[in-house]
Amino acid sequence: MKKLSSQETVSILEVLEGRFQEIKERFPDLNWTDLRLKLEQNPDKLRSLYEMEETGGDPDLLEYNKDVDEFIFCDFSKESPKGRRSLCYDKKALESRKKFKPADNAQDVASRMGVDLMNEEDYRKLQSYGEFDTKTSSWLETPENIRKLGGAIFGDFRYGKVFIYHNGAESYYAARGFRGILKL
């Protein structure tokens, strides 16, 4: 990944600070100064957050693990990030398609961004803060036993409930993307 320019760095820090201030009540023991310092000390992670923002993810703080001093960010966009849709699940799935291949796959895009796909537990935690993916769906980190059988899982929110479904990993839809998770 290329380094952020000073303007890009200032821009993403301003965005993240604004979002942090809006959710401050969720993290009463944290302050922006400490989080900003940790972000500035980890330029690769800051770059990943910038990529999340640029692809429509609206990254924000999901959780703070006090025991290990770890900040966990994820995509808080109302719908699956627009710049990361129409992707099959992983490289194996992409290679298995004979016709009408998507441009890429979720696992590789996430890896290039320096993030992981959100897992089911993180997805349910995100959904506890609002209603996300009411018109879209998001690929989720798939357990190996499901992936070995050719499947992959995704989640969405319909009828007032979080649903976790399965699909063939090679499938892709204009309304399905992925949500990233970043640990700092």
N, C-alpha and C. Protein backbone atom coordinates (compact mmCIF):
# COMPACT_ATOMS: atom_id res chain seq x y z
N MET A 1 0.84 -1.19 0.00
CA MET A 1 0.00 0.00 0.00
C MET A 1 0.88 1.24 0.00
N LYS A 2 0.45 2.22 -0.75
CA LYS A 2 1.20 3.47 -0.75
C LYS A 2 0.88 4.25 0.53
N LYS A 3 1.80 5.11 0.88
CA LYS A 3 1.60 5.94 2.08
C LYS A 3 0.56 7.01 1.80
N LEU A 4 -0.11 7.40 2.86
CA LEU A 4 -1.05 8.51 2.74
C LEU A 4 -0.29 9.82 2.62
N SER A 5 -0.81 10.73 1.84
CA SER A 5 -0.24 12.07 1.80
C SER A 5 -0.60 12.78 3.10
N SER A 6 0.04 13.89 3.39
CA SER A 6 -0.28 14.62 4.62
C SER A 6 -1.74 15.11 4.57
N GLN A 7 -2.21 15.50 3.41
CA GLN A 7 -3.60 15.95 3.27
C GLN A 7 -4.57 14.79 3.52
N GLU A 8 -4.27 13.60 2.98
CA GLU A 8 -5.12 12.43 3.21
C GLU A 8 -5.12 12.04 4.69
N THR A 9 -3.96 12.15 5.33
CA THR A 9 -3.86 11.83 6.76
C THR A 9 -4.73 12.77 7.58
N VAL A 10 -4.60 14.06 7.32
CA VAL A 10 -5.42 15.05 8.05
C VAL A 10 -6.89 14.79 7.81
N SER A 11 -7.25 14.51 6.56
CA SER A 11 -8.65 14.28 6.19
C SER A 11 -9.24 13.09 6.95
N ILE A 12 -8.57 11.94 6.94
CA ILE A 12 -9.13 10.76 7.59
C ILE A 12 -9.15 10.94 9.10
N LEU A 13 -8.16 11.61 9.67
CA LEU A 13 -8.17 11.85 11.11
C LEU A 13 -9.33 12.76 11.51
N GLU A 14 -9.62 13.76 10.70
CA GLU A 14 -10.76 14.64 10.98
C GLU A 14 -12.08 13.87 10.92
N VAL A 15 -12.22 13.02 9.93
CA VAL A 15 -13.44 12.21 9.79
C VAL A 15 -13.61 11.30 11.00
N LEU A 16 -12.52 10.60 11.35
CA LEU A 16 -12.59 9.66 12.48
C LEU A 16 -12.86 10.39 13.79
N GLU A 17 -12.25 11.57 13.97
CA GLU A 17 -12.51 12.33 15.19
C GLU A 17 -13.99 12.74 15.27
N GLY A 18 -14.53 13.19 14.17
CA GLY A 18 -15.94 13.58 14.16
C GLY A 18 -16.85 12.42 14.53
N ARG A 19 -16.57 11.26 13.98
CA ARG A 19 -17.38 10.09 14.31
C ARG A 19 -17.18 9.66 15.76
N PHE A 20 -15.93 9.74 16.23
CA PHE A 20 -15.65 9.37 17.62
C PHE A 20 -16.42 10.27 18.58
N GLN A 21 -16.46 11.55 18.30
CA GLN A 21 -17.16 12.48 19.18
C GLN A 21 -18.66 12.18 19.21
N GLU A 22 -19.21 11.71 18.09
CA GLU A 22 -20.64 11.38 18.04
C GLU A 22 -21.00 10.15 18.85
N ILE A 23 -20.04 9.24 19.06
CA ILE A 23 -20.33 8.01 19.80
C ILE A 23 -19.61 7.96 21.14
N LYS A 24 -19.12 9.08 21.58
CA LYS A 24 -18.32 9.16 22.81
C LYS A 24 -19.01 8.48 24.00
N GLU A 25 -20.33 8.57 24.08
CA GLU A 25 -21.04 7.97 25.22
C GLU A 25 -20.86 6.46 25.28
N ARG A 26 -20.57 5.81 24.14
CA ARG A 26 -20.32 4.36 24.14
C ARG A 26 -18.97 4.02 24.74
N PHE A 27 -18.06 4.99 24.75
CA PHE A 27 -16.69 4.76 25.23
C PHE A 27 -16.29 5.86 26.22
N PRO A 28 -16.94 5.92 27.37
CA PRO A 28 -16.70 7.03 28.30
C PRO A 28 -15.27 7.09 28.86
N ASP A 29 -14.57 5.97 28.85
CA ASP A 29 -13.21 5.95 29.41
C ASP A 29 -12.13 6.23 28.37
N LEU A 30 -12.52 6.46 27.12
CA LEU A 30 -11.56 6.74 26.06
C LEU A 30 -11.56 8.21 25.71
N ASN A 31 -10.41 8.67 25.24
CA ASN A 31 -10.37 10.04 24.72
C ASN A 31 -9.73 10.04 23.35
N TRP A 32 -10.10 11.02 22.56
CA TRP A 32 -9.64 11.10 21.18
C TRP A 32 -8.12 11.24 21.10
N THR A 33 -7.52 11.96 22.00
CA THR A 33 -6.07 12.19 21.94
C THR A 33 -5.30 10.88 21.96
N ASP A 34 -5.69 9.95 22.83
CA ASP A 34 -5.00 8.65 22.91
C ASP A 34 -5.22 7.84 21.63
N LEU A 35 -6.45 7.86 21.14
CA LEU A 35 -6.75 7.11 19.92
C LEU A 35 -6.01 7.71 18.73
N ARG A 36 -5.98 9.02 18.63
CA ARG A 36 -5.27 9.68 17.53
C ARG A 36 -3.79 9.33 17.55
N LEU A 37 -3.19 9.34 18.74
CA LEU A 37 -1.77 9.00 18.87
C LEU A 37 -1.51 7.58 18.37
N LYS A 38 -2.37 6.65 18.75
CA LYS A 38 -2.20 5.26 18.30
C LYS A 38 -2.36 5.16 16.79
N LEU A 39 -3.31 5.90 16.23
CA LEU A 39 -3.49 5.91 14.78
C LEU A 39 -2.25 6.47 14.07
N GLU A 40 -1.72 7.55 14.58
CA GLU A 40 -0.54 8.17 13.96
C GLU A 40 0.69 7.28 14.06
N GLN A 41 0.74 6.45 15.09
CA GLN A 41 1.87 5.53 15.26
C GLN A 41 1.73 4.28 14.39
N ASN A 42 0.59 4.12 13.74
CA ASN A 42 0.34 2.96 12.89
C ASN A 42 -0.16 3.40 11.51
N PRO A 43 0.74 3.98 10.71
CA PRO A 43 0.32 4.53 9.42
C PRO A 43 -0.32 3.51 8.47
N ASP A 44 0.08 2.24 8.56
CA ASP A 44 -0.55 1.22 7.71
C ASP A 44 -2.01 1.03 8.08
N LYS A 45 -2.31 1.06 9.37
CA LYS A 45 -3.69 0.90 9.83
C LYS A 45 -4.52 2.14 9.45
N LEU A 46 -3.89 3.30 9.56
CA LEU A 46 -4.57 4.54 9.18
C LEU A 46 -4.88 4.51 7.68
N ARG A 47 -3.95 3.99 6.90
CA ARG A 47 -4.16 3.84 5.46
C ARG A 47 -5.35 2.92 5.18
N SER A 48 -5.44 1.83 5.96
CA SER A 48 -6.56 0.91 5.79
C SER A 48 -7.89 1.60 6.10
N LEU A 49 -7.92 2.39 7.16
CA LEU A 49 -9.13 3.14 7.49
C LEU A 49 -9.49 4.13 6.37
N TYR A 50 -8.47 4.73 5.78
CA TYR A 50 -8.68 5.63 4.65
C TYR A 50 -9.32 4.87 3.49
N GLU A 51 -8.81 3.66 3.21
CA GLU A 51 -9.37 2.83 2.13
C GLU A 51 -10.82 2.46 2.44
N MET A 52 -11.10 2.15 3.70
CA MET A 52 -12.47 1.84 4.10
C MET A 52 -13.38 3.03 3.82
N GLU A 53 -12.90 4.21 4.16
CA GLU A 53 -13.67 5.44 3.93
C GLU A 53 -13.87 5.69 2.43
N GLU A 54 -12.82 5.56 1.67
CA GLU A 54 -12.87 5.84 0.23
C GLU A 54 -13.81 4.90 -0.52
N THR A 55 -14.01 3.71 -0.01
CA THR A 55 -14.89 2.75 -0.68
C THR A 55 -16.30 2.76 -0.09
N GLY A 56 -16.60 3.76 0.73
CA GLY A 56 -17.96 3.95 1.23
C GLY A 56 -18.31 3.27 2.53
N GLY A 57 -17.30 2.89 3.31
CA GLY A 57 -17.56 2.11 4.52
C GLY A 57 -17.91 2.89 5.77
N ASP A 58 -17.60 4.19 5.81
CA ASP A 58 -17.85 4.99 7.03
C ASP A 58 -17.26 4.31 8.27
N PRO A 59 -15.95 4.03 8.29
CA PRO A 59 -15.37 3.31 9.43
C PRO A 59 -15.50 4.09 10.73
N ASP A 60 -15.73 3.33 11.80
CA ASP A 60 -15.86 3.90 13.13
C ASP A 60 -15.50 2.84 14.15
N LEU A 61 -15.35 3.26 15.37
CA LEU A 61 -14.95 2.37 16.45
C LEU A 61 -16.11 1.48 16.87
N LEU A 62 -15.92 0.18 16.76
CA LEU A 62 -16.92 -0.80 17.15
C LEU A 62 -16.74 -1.21 18.61
N GLU A 63 -15.47 -1.34 19.00
CA GLU A 63 -15.19 -1.92 20.30
C GLU A 63 -13.80 -1.51 20.77
N TYR A 64 -13.61 -1.51 22.07
CA TYR A 64 -12.28 -1.30 22.64
C TYR A 64 -12.03 -2.41 23.64
N ASN A 65 -10.94 -3.15 23.46
CA ASN A 65 -10.55 -4.21 24.38
C ASN A 65 -9.51 -3.65 25.33
N LYS A 66 -9.95 -3.30 26.51
CA LYS A 66 -9.09 -2.67 27.52
C LYS A 66 -7.95 -3.59 27.96
N ASP A 67 -8.22 -4.89 28.02
CA ASP A 67 -7.22 -5.86 28.50
C ASP A 67 -5.96 -5.87 27.64
N VAL A 68 -6.12 -5.67 26.35
CA VAL A 68 -4.95 -5.70 25.44
C VAL A 68 -4.74 -4.36 24.74
N ASP A 69 -5.47 -3.33 25.17
CA ASP A 69 -5.37 -1.99 24.58
C ASP A 69 -5.52 -2.06 23.06
N GLU A 70 -6.65 -2.65 22.63
CA GLU A 70 -6.90 -2.85 21.20
C GLU A 70 -8.19 -2.16 20.78
N PHE A 71 -8.08 -1.31 19.78
CA PHE A 71 -9.24 -0.64 19.18
C PHE A 71 -9.70 -1.48 17.99
N ILE A 72 -11.00 -1.69 17.88
CA ILE A 72 -11.55 -2.47 16.77
C ILE A 72 -12.51 -1.58 15.99
N PHE A 73 -12.15 -1.33 14.74
CA PHE A 73 -12.94 -0.51 13.84
C PHE A 73 -13.67 -1.42 12.85
N CYS A 74 -14.79 -0.93 12.36
CA CYS A 74 -15.49 -1.63 11.29
C CYS A 74 -16.25 -0.62 10.44
N ASP A 75 -16.84 -1.11 9.36
CA ASP A 75 -17.66 -0.29 8.47
C ASP A 75 -19.03 -0.08 9.10
N PHE A 76 -19.40 1.18 9.29
CA PHE A 76 -20.71 1.53 9.85
C PHE A 76 -21.65 2.09 8.80
N SER A 77 -21.32 1.97 7.51
CA SER A 77 -22.23 2.46 6.48
C SER A 77 -23.57 1.74 6.60
N LYS A 78 -24.65 2.46 6.32
CA LYS A 78 -25.98 1.86 6.46
C LYS A 78 -26.14 0.63 5.57
N GLU A 79 -25.59 0.67 4.39
CA GLU A 79 -25.64 -0.47 3.49
C GLU A 79 -24.22 -0.96 3.23
N SER A 80 -24.09 -2.16 2.73
CA SER A 80 -22.77 -2.71 2.43
C SER A 80 -22.01 -1.71 1.57
N PRO A 81 -20.75 -1.44 1.88
CA PRO A 81 -20.02 -0.37 1.19
C PRO A 81 -20.10 -0.47 -0.34
N LYS A 82 -20.54 0.62 -0.93
CA LYS A 82 -20.82 0.66 -2.37
C LYS A 82 -19.59 0.33 -3.22
N GLY A 83 -18.43 0.75 -2.79
CA GLY A 83 -17.21 0.50 -3.55
C GLY A 83 -16.65 -0.90 -3.40
N ARG A 84 -17.38 -1.79 -2.72
CA ARG A 84 -16.92 -3.17 -2.50
C ARG A 84 -18.03 -4.18 -2.74
N ARG A 85 -18.81 -3.95 -3.76
CA ARG A 85 -19.91 -4.87 -4.07
C ARG A 85 -19.62 -5.63 -5.37
N SER A 86 -20.50 -6.55 -5.69
CA SER A 86 -20.40 -7.39 -6.90
C SER A 86 -19.12 -8.21 -6.90
N LEU A 87 -18.81 -8.79 -5.75
CA LEU A 87 -17.62 -9.62 -5.58
C LEU A 87 -18.04 -11.01 -5.13
N CYS A 88 -17.40 -12.04 -5.67
CA CYS A 88 -17.63 -13.36 -5.10
C CYS A 88 -16.81 -13.46 -3.81
N TYR A 89 -16.85 -14.59 -3.13
CA TYR A 89 -16.27 -14.67 -1.80
C TYR A 89 -14.73 -14.67 -1.78
N ASP A 90 -14.09 -15.58 -2.52
CA ASP A 90 -12.62 -15.67 -2.45
C ASP A 90 -12.03 -16.05 -3.81
N LYS A 91 -10.72 -16.17 -3.85
CA LYS A 91 -10.01 -16.45 -5.11
C LYS A 91 -10.42 -17.79 -5.71
N LYS A 92 -10.56 -18.81 -4.86
CA LYS A 92 -10.97 -20.13 -5.34
C LYS A 92 -12.33 -20.04 -6.03
N ALA A 93 -13.24 -19.29 -5.44
CA ALA A 93 -14.56 -19.12 -6.04
C ALA A 93 -14.47 -18.37 -7.36
N LEU A 94 -13.66 -17.33 -7.40
CA LEU A 94 -13.48 -16.55 -8.63
C LEU A 94 -12.93 -17.42 -9.75
N GLU A 95 -11.93 -18.23 -9.43
CA GLU A 95 -11.32 -19.10 -10.44
C GLU A 95 -12.26 -20.20 -10.91
N SER A 96 -13.22 -20.58 -10.07
CA SER A 96 -14.14 -21.65 -10.45
C SER A 96 -15.22 -21.19 -11.43
N ARG A 97 -15.43 -19.88 -11.54
CA ARG A 97 -16.46 -19.38 -12.45
C ARG A 97 -15.97 -19.50 -13.89
N LYS A 98 -16.79 -20.06 -14.72
CA LYS A 98 -16.43 -20.22 -16.13
C LYS A 98 -16.90 -19.03 -16.96
N LYS A 99 -18.08 -18.49 -16.62
CA LYS A 99 -18.64 -17.37 -17.37
C LYS A 99 -19.06 -16.27 -16.40
N PHE A 100 -19.12 -15.06 -16.91
CA PHE A 100 -19.62 -13.91 -16.15
C PHE A 100 -18.90 -13.72 -14.82
N LYS A 101 -17.59 -13.75 -14.87
CA LYS A 101 -16.80 -13.58 -13.65
C LYS A 101 -16.93 -12.15 -13.12
N PRO A 102 -16.99 -12.02 -11.80
CA PRO A 102 -16.95 -10.67 -11.22
C PRO A 102 -15.53 -10.10 -11.37
N ALA A 103 -15.39 -8.83 -11.12
CA ALA A 103 -14.10 -8.18 -11.26
C ALA A 103 -13.08 -8.68 -10.24
N ASP A 104 -13.55 -9.12 -9.07
CA ASP A 104 -12.62 -9.52 -8.00
C ASP A 104 -13.38 -10.33 -6.96
N ASN A 105 -12.72 -10.58 -5.85
CA ASN A 105 -13.35 -11.32 -4.76
C ASN A 105 -13.13 -10.59 -3.43
N ALA A 106 -14.04 -10.81 -2.51
CA ALA A 106 -14.04 -10.08 -1.24
C ALA A 106 -12.78 -10.32 -0.41
N GLN A 107 -12.32 -11.55 -0.32
CA GLN A 107 -11.14 -11.85 0.50
C GLN A 107 -9.90 -11.11 0.00
N ASP A 108 -9.67 -11.11 -1.31
CA ASP A 108 -8.49 -10.44 -1.85
C ASP A 108 -8.58 -8.92 -1.73
N VAL A 109 -9.75 -8.37 -1.97
CA VAL A 109 -9.92 -6.92 -1.83
C VAL A 109 -9.66 -6.51 -0.38
N ALA A 110 -10.22 -7.27 0.56
CA ALA A 110 -10.00 -6.98 1.99
C ALA A 110 -8.52 -7.05 2.33
N SER A 111 -7.86 -8.08 1.84
CA SER A 111 -6.42 -8.25 2.12
C SER A 111 -5.61 -7.07 1.58
N ARG A 112 -5.92 -6.64 0.36
CA ARG A 112 -5.19 -5.49 -0.21
C ARG A 112 -5.45 -4.21 0.59
N MET A 113 -6.64 -4.12 1.18
CA MET A 113 -6.97 -2.95 2.00
C MET A 113 -6.34 -3.03 3.39
N GLY A 114 -5.87 -4.21 3.77
CA GLY A 114 -5.29 -4.39 5.10
C GLY A 114 -6.34 -4.61 6.18
N VAL A 115 -7.51 -5.15 5.79
CA VAL A 115 -8.58 -5.44 6.74
C VAL A 115 -8.99 -6.90 6.61
N ASP A 116 -9.78 -7.36 7.56
CA ASP A 116 -10.37 -8.69 7.50
C ASP A 116 -11.86 -8.55 7.21
N LEU A 117 -12.46 -9.61 6.71
CA LEU A 117 -13.92 -9.63 6.60
C LEU A 117 -14.49 -9.74 8.01
N MET A 118 -15.57 -9.06 8.23
CA MET A 118 -16.26 -9.12 9.51
C MET A 118 -16.75 -10.56 9.72
N ASN A 119 -16.66 -11.05 10.96
CA ASN A 119 -17.20 -12.37 11.24
C ASN A 119 -18.63 -12.23 11.77
N GLU A 120 -19.30 -13.35 11.99
CA GLU A 120 -20.70 -13.31 12.41
C GLU A 120 -20.87 -12.60 13.75
N GLU A 121 -19.98 -12.85 14.69
CA GLU A 121 -20.08 -12.21 16.01
C GLU A 121 -19.96 -10.68 15.89
N ASP A 122 -18.98 -10.22 15.12
CA ASP A 122 -18.81 -8.78 14.92
C ASP A 122 -20.01 -8.18 14.20
N TYR A 123 -20.55 -8.92 13.24
CA TYR A 123 -21.70 -8.44 12.48
C TYR A 123 -22.92 -8.26 13.39
N ARG A 124 -23.13 -9.20 14.27
CA ARG A 124 -24.25 -9.09 15.21
C ARG A 124 -24.03 -7.93 16.19
N LYS A 125 -22.78 -7.70 16.58
CA LYS A 125 -22.47 -6.57 17.45
C LYS A 125 -22.78 -5.26 16.72
N LEU A 126 -22.32 -5.15 15.47
CA LEU A 126 -22.63 -3.96 14.66
C LEU A 126 -24.14 -3.73 14.62
N GLN A 127 -24.89 -4.79 14.38
CA GLN A 127 -26.34 -4.66 14.25
C GLN A 127 -27.00 -4.23 15.56
N SER A 128 -26.31 -4.39 16.69
CA SER A 128 -26.87 -3.94 17.97
C SER A 128 -26.87 -2.41 18.07
N TYR A 129 -26.16 -1.73 17.17
CA TYR A 129 -26.08 -0.26 17.16
C TYR A 129 -27.01 0.39 16.15
N GLY A 130 -27.77 -0.40 15.44
CA GLY A 130 -28.67 0.16 14.45
C GLY A 130 -29.14 -0.91 13.49
N GLU A 131 -29.71 -0.48 12.39
CA GLU A 131 -30.16 -1.40 11.36
C GLU A 131 -29.28 -1.20 10.13
N PHE A 132 -28.47 -2.21 9.83
CA PHE A 132 -27.51 -2.14 8.73
C PHE A 132 -27.85 -3.24 7.71
N ASP A 133 -27.58 -2.96 6.46
CA ASP A 133 -27.85 -3.91 5.37
C ASP A 133 -29.35 -4.23 5.28
N THR A 134 -30.17 -3.19 5.27
CA THR A 134 -31.61 -3.41 5.11
C THR A 134 -32.00 -3.59 3.64
N LYS A 135 -31.12 -3.19 2.73
CA LYS A 135 -31.36 -3.34 1.29
C LYS A 135 -30.24 -4.11 0.61
N THR A 136 -29.15 -4.33 1.33
CA THR A 136 -27.98 -5.03 0.78
C THR A 136 -27.65 -6.20 1.68
N SER A 137 -26.56 -6.88 1.38
CA SER A 137 -26.04 -7.94 2.25
C SER A 137 -24.53 -7.86 2.23
N SER A 138 -23.90 -8.50 3.20
CA SER A 138 -22.43 -8.44 3.31
C SER A 138 -21.85 -9.84 3.54
N TRP A 139 -20.86 -10.19 2.70
CA TRP A 139 -20.12 -11.43 2.94
C TRP A 139 -19.51 -11.37 4.32
N LEU A 140 -19.48 -12.50 5.00
CA LEU A 140 -18.85 -12.60 6.32
C LEU A 140 -17.77 -13.67 6.28
N GLU A 141 -16.82 -13.55 7.19
CA GLU A 141 -15.77 -14.57 7.32
C GLU A 141 -16.46 -15.91 7.51
N THR A 142 -16.14 -16.85 6.64
CA THR A 142 -16.83 -18.13 6.60
C THR A 142 -16.01 -19.22 7.29
N PRO A 143 -16.63 -19.99 8.18
CA PRO A 143 -15.92 -21.11 8.80
C PRO A 143 -15.41 -22.09 7.74
N GLU A 144 -14.24 -22.64 7.97
CA GLU A 144 -13.59 -23.51 7.00
C GLU A 144 -14.44 -24.71 6.61
N ASN A 145 -15.18 -25.29 7.57
CA ASN A 145 -15.99 -26.47 7.23
C ASN A 145 -17.09 -26.14 6.22
N ILE A 146 -17.61 -24.92 6.24
CA ILE A 146 -18.61 -24.50 5.25
C ILE A 146 -17.92 -24.21 3.93
N ARG A 147 -16.78 -23.53 4.00
CA ARG A 147 -16.06 -23.17 2.77
C ARG A 147 -15.60 -24.41 2.01
N LYS A 148 -15.18 -25.46 2.74
CA LYS A 148 -14.73 -26.70 2.09
C LYS A 148 -15.83 -27.35 1.26
N LEU A 149 -17.06 -27.08 1.64
CA LEU A 149 -18.20 -27.64 0.91
C LEU A 149 -18.68 -26.73 -0.22
N GLY A 150 -17.95 -25.63 -0.45
CA GLY A 150 -18.28 -24.73 -1.56
C GLY A 150 -19.13 -23.53 -1.19
N GLY A 151 -19.49 -23.43 0.08
CA GLY A 151 -20.36 -22.34 0.50
C GLY A 151 -19.62 -21.19 1.15
N ALA A 152 -20.35 -20.14 1.40
CA ALA A 152 -19.86 -18.98 2.14
C ALA A 152 -21.08 -18.34 2.80
N ILE A 153 -20.86 -17.59 3.87
CA ILE A 153 -21.98 -16.98 4.57
C ILE A 153 -22.00 -15.47 4.38
N PHE A 154 -23.20 -14.92 4.52
CA PHE A 154 -23.39 -13.48 4.45
C PHE A 154 -24.52 -13.11 5.39
N GLY A 155 -24.59 -11.83 5.71
CA GLY A 155 -25.63 -11.37 6.62
C GLY A 155 -26.37 -10.17 6.07
N ASP A 156 -27.58 -9.98 6.60
CA ASP A 156 -28.35 -8.78 6.31
C ASP A 156 -29.37 -8.58 7.42
N PHE A 157 -30.15 -7.51 7.32
CA PHE A 157 -31.17 -7.18 8.32
C PHE A 157 -32.50 -7.01 7.61
N ARG A 158 -33.44 -7.89 7.91
CA ARG A 158 -34.76 -7.84 7.31
C ARG A 158 -35.80 -8.16 8.39
N TYR A 159 -36.97 -7.58 8.24
CA TYR A 159 -38.10 -7.89 9.12
C TYR A 159 -37.76 -7.71 10.60
N GLY A 160 -36.89 -6.74 10.90
CA GLY A 160 -36.53 -6.47 12.29
C GLY A 160 -35.59 -7.50 12.89
N LYS A 161 -34.89 -8.26 12.05
CA LYS A 161 -34.03 -9.34 12.55
C LYS A 161 -32.76 -9.47 11.70
N VAL A 162 -31.68 -9.85 12.36
CA VAL A 162 -30.42 -10.15 11.66
C VAL A 162 -30.51 -11.57 11.12
N PHE A 163 -30.22 -11.73 9.84
CA PHE A 163 -30.19 -13.05 9.22
C PHE A 163 -28.78 -13.36 8.76
N ILE A 164 -28.35 -14.58 8.99
CA ILE A 164 -27.09 -15.10 8.45
C ILE A 164 -27.50 -16.24 7.52
N TYR A 165 -27.08 -16.12 6.26
CA TYR A 165 -27.45 -17.08 5.24
C TYR A 165 -26.20 -17.72 4.66
N HIS A 166 -26.44 -18.63 3.75
CA HIS A 166 -25.34 -19.25 3.00
C HIS A 166 -25.63 -19.10 1.51
N ASN A 167 -24.58 -19.19 0.74
CA ASN A 167 -24.69 -19.11 -0.71
C ASN A 167 -23.45 -19.80 -1.27
N GLY A 168 -23.50 -20.14 -2.54
CA GLY A 168 -22.28 -20.64 -3.17
C GLY A 168 -21.24 -19.52 -3.16
N ALA A 169 -20.02 -19.83 -2.81
CA ALA A 169 -18.97 -18.81 -2.69
C ALA A 169 -18.70 -18.10 -4.01
N GLU A 170 -19.03 -18.75 -5.13
CA GLU A 170 -18.78 -18.14 -6.44
C GLU A 170 -19.86 -17.14 -6.84
N SER A 171 -20.95 -17.08 -6.08
CA SER A 171 -22.02 -16.15 -6.42
C SER A 171 -21.61 -14.71 -6.13
N TYR A 172 -22.24 -13.79 -6.84
CA TYR A 172 -22.03 -12.37 -6.57
C TYR A 172 -23.25 -11.61 -7.03
N TYR A 173 -23.51 -10.51 -6.33
CA TYR A 173 -24.70 -9.71 -6.60
C TYR A 173 -24.35 -8.24 -6.47
N ALA A 174 -25.06 -7.42 -7.20
CA ALA A 174 -24.82 -5.97 -7.15
C ALA A 174 -25.10 -5.41 -5.76
N ALA A 175 -25.92 -6.07 -4.99
CA ALA A 175 -26.27 -5.58 -3.65
C ALA A 175 -25.51 -6.31 -2.54
N ARG A 176 -24.49 -7.11 -2.88
CA ARG A 176 -23.71 -7.78 -1.84
C ARG A 176 -22.26 -7.35 -1.91
N GLY A 177 -21.77 -6.87 -0.77
CA GLY A 177 -20.38 -6.49 -0.66
C GLY A 177 -19.78 -7.15 0.56
N PHE A 178 -18.89 -6.43 1.23
CA PHE A 178 -18.36 -6.95 2.49
C PHE A 178 -18.05 -5.78 3.40
N ARG A 179 -18.08 -6.07 4.68
CA ARG A 179 -17.73 -5.10 5.71
C ARG A 179 -16.39 -5.52 6.30
N GLY A 180 -15.50 -4.54 6.41
CA GLY A 180 -14.18 -4.82 6.96
C GLY A 180 -14.12 -4.63 8.46
N ILE A 181 -13.14 -5.30 9.05
CA ILE A 181 -12.85 -5.16 10.46
C ILE A 181 -11.35 -4.88 10.56
N LEU A 182 -10.98 -3.95 11.42
CA LEU A 182 -9.58 -3.56 11.56
C LEU A 182 -9.24 -3.46 13.04
N LYS A 183 -8.20 -4.19 13.44
CA LYS A 183 -7.77 -4.16 14.84
C LYS A 183 -6.50 -3.35 14.94
N LEU A 184 -6.50 -2.43 15.90
CA LEU A 184 -5.38 -1.51 16.08
C LEU A 184 -4.92 -1.56 17.53
